[in-house]
Each structure stands twice: as C-alpha cells, then as structure tokens.
Amino acid sequence: METGNEMIIASTSCKMVNFKHFEEEIFRNGLNIVEKGITCIEPDFTTIMYVVVE
C-alpha cells in the first residue's frame, strides 16, 4: 500500500474486541488483511484498531 494517499473509510459503531477476534471475524467473512495497526481519530477516539482489507 502506498503511503500519503487519502483513503475513504466506512465507520461503524463502537465494538470492543482484541486483534485476535477482530481478525477471525474478518477472515470468517472472506476478506484478507492488507495492513493493520493502531491509530487515533481525535477528538473522539484516542486509540483505535484498524485494518485495510481486500
């Protein structure tokens, strides 16, 4: 994935899970993880997990 590009994302309701369960749900739905990490969306969410899927 190229850096510095803008990406439009779909937002969702708050769901508290760990990375293990997050990844299992993604794979169970037939998606592949391209990138994952932890970031923030200020001022509402100081810490969030994210994944880019295909």
Protein backbone atom coordinates (compact mmCIF):
# COMPACT_ATOMS: atom_id res chain seq x y z
CA MET A 1 0.00 0.00 0.00
CA GLU A 2 1.31 3.44 -0.88
CA THR A 3 1.66 5.96 1.92
CA GLY A 4 0.50 9.54 1.75
CA ASN A 5 -2.71 8.77 -0.16
CA GLU A 6 -6.11 9.67 1.20
CA MET A 7 -8.44 6.73 1.87
CA ILE A 8 -12.20 6.92 2.34
CA ILE A 9 -13.23 4.64 5.19
CA ALA A 10 -16.50 3.21 6.40
CA SER A 11 -17.21 3.97 10.02
CA THR A 12 -19.01 1.65 12.37
CA SER A 13 -20.40 1.61 15.86
CA CYS A 14 -18.06 1.05 18.76
CA LYS A 15 -17.31 -2.64 19.25
CA MET A 16 -14.69 -3.65 21.82
CA VAL A 17 -12.63 -6.64 20.63
CA ASN A 18 -9.00 -7.67 20.62
CA PHE A 19 -6.97 -8.17 17.43
CA LYS A 20 -7.41 -11.97 17.56
CA HIS A 21 -11.22 -11.74 17.48
CA PHE A 22 -11.14 -8.84 15.01
CA GLU A 23 -9.01 -10.87 12.56
CA GLU A 24 -11.15 -14.01 12.99
CA GLU A 25 -14.28 -12.04 12.10
CA ILE A 26 -12.59 -10.57 9.02
CA PHE A 27 -11.32 -13.96 7.76
CA ARG A 28 -14.67 -15.62 8.50
CA ASN A 29 -16.28 -13.11 6.14
CA GLY A 30 -13.92 -13.95 3.27
CA LEU A 31 -11.69 -10.87 3.45
CA ASN A 32 -7.89 -10.64 3.52
CA ILE A 33 -5.95 -8.20 5.71
CA VAL A 34 -3.59 -5.95 3.75
CA GLU A 35 -2.49 -3.75 6.67
CA LYS A 36 -3.37 -3.43 10.35
CA GLY A 37 -2.38 -1.21 13.23
CA ILE A 38 -3.39 1.17 15.98
CA THR A 39 -4.10 4.87 15.43
CA CYS A 40 -6.46 7.59 16.68
CA ILE A 41 -9.32 9.71 15.44
CA GLU A 42 -9.18 12.87 17.54
CA PRO A 43 -11.03 14.12 19.46
CA ASP A 44 -13.48 11.22 19.74
CA PHE A 45 -11.24 8.13 19.81
CA THR A 46 -7.73 8.40 21.22
CA THR A 47 -6.89 4.76 20.43
CA ILE A 48 -8.45 2.59 17.70
CA MET A 49 -7.52 -0.59 15.89
CA TYR A 50 -7.75 -0.51 12.12
CA VAL A 51 -7.35 -2.91 9.22
CA VAL A 52 -7.25 -2.40 5.49
CA VAL A 53 -8.93 -5.35 3.78
CA GLU A 54 -9.42 -6.66 0.27
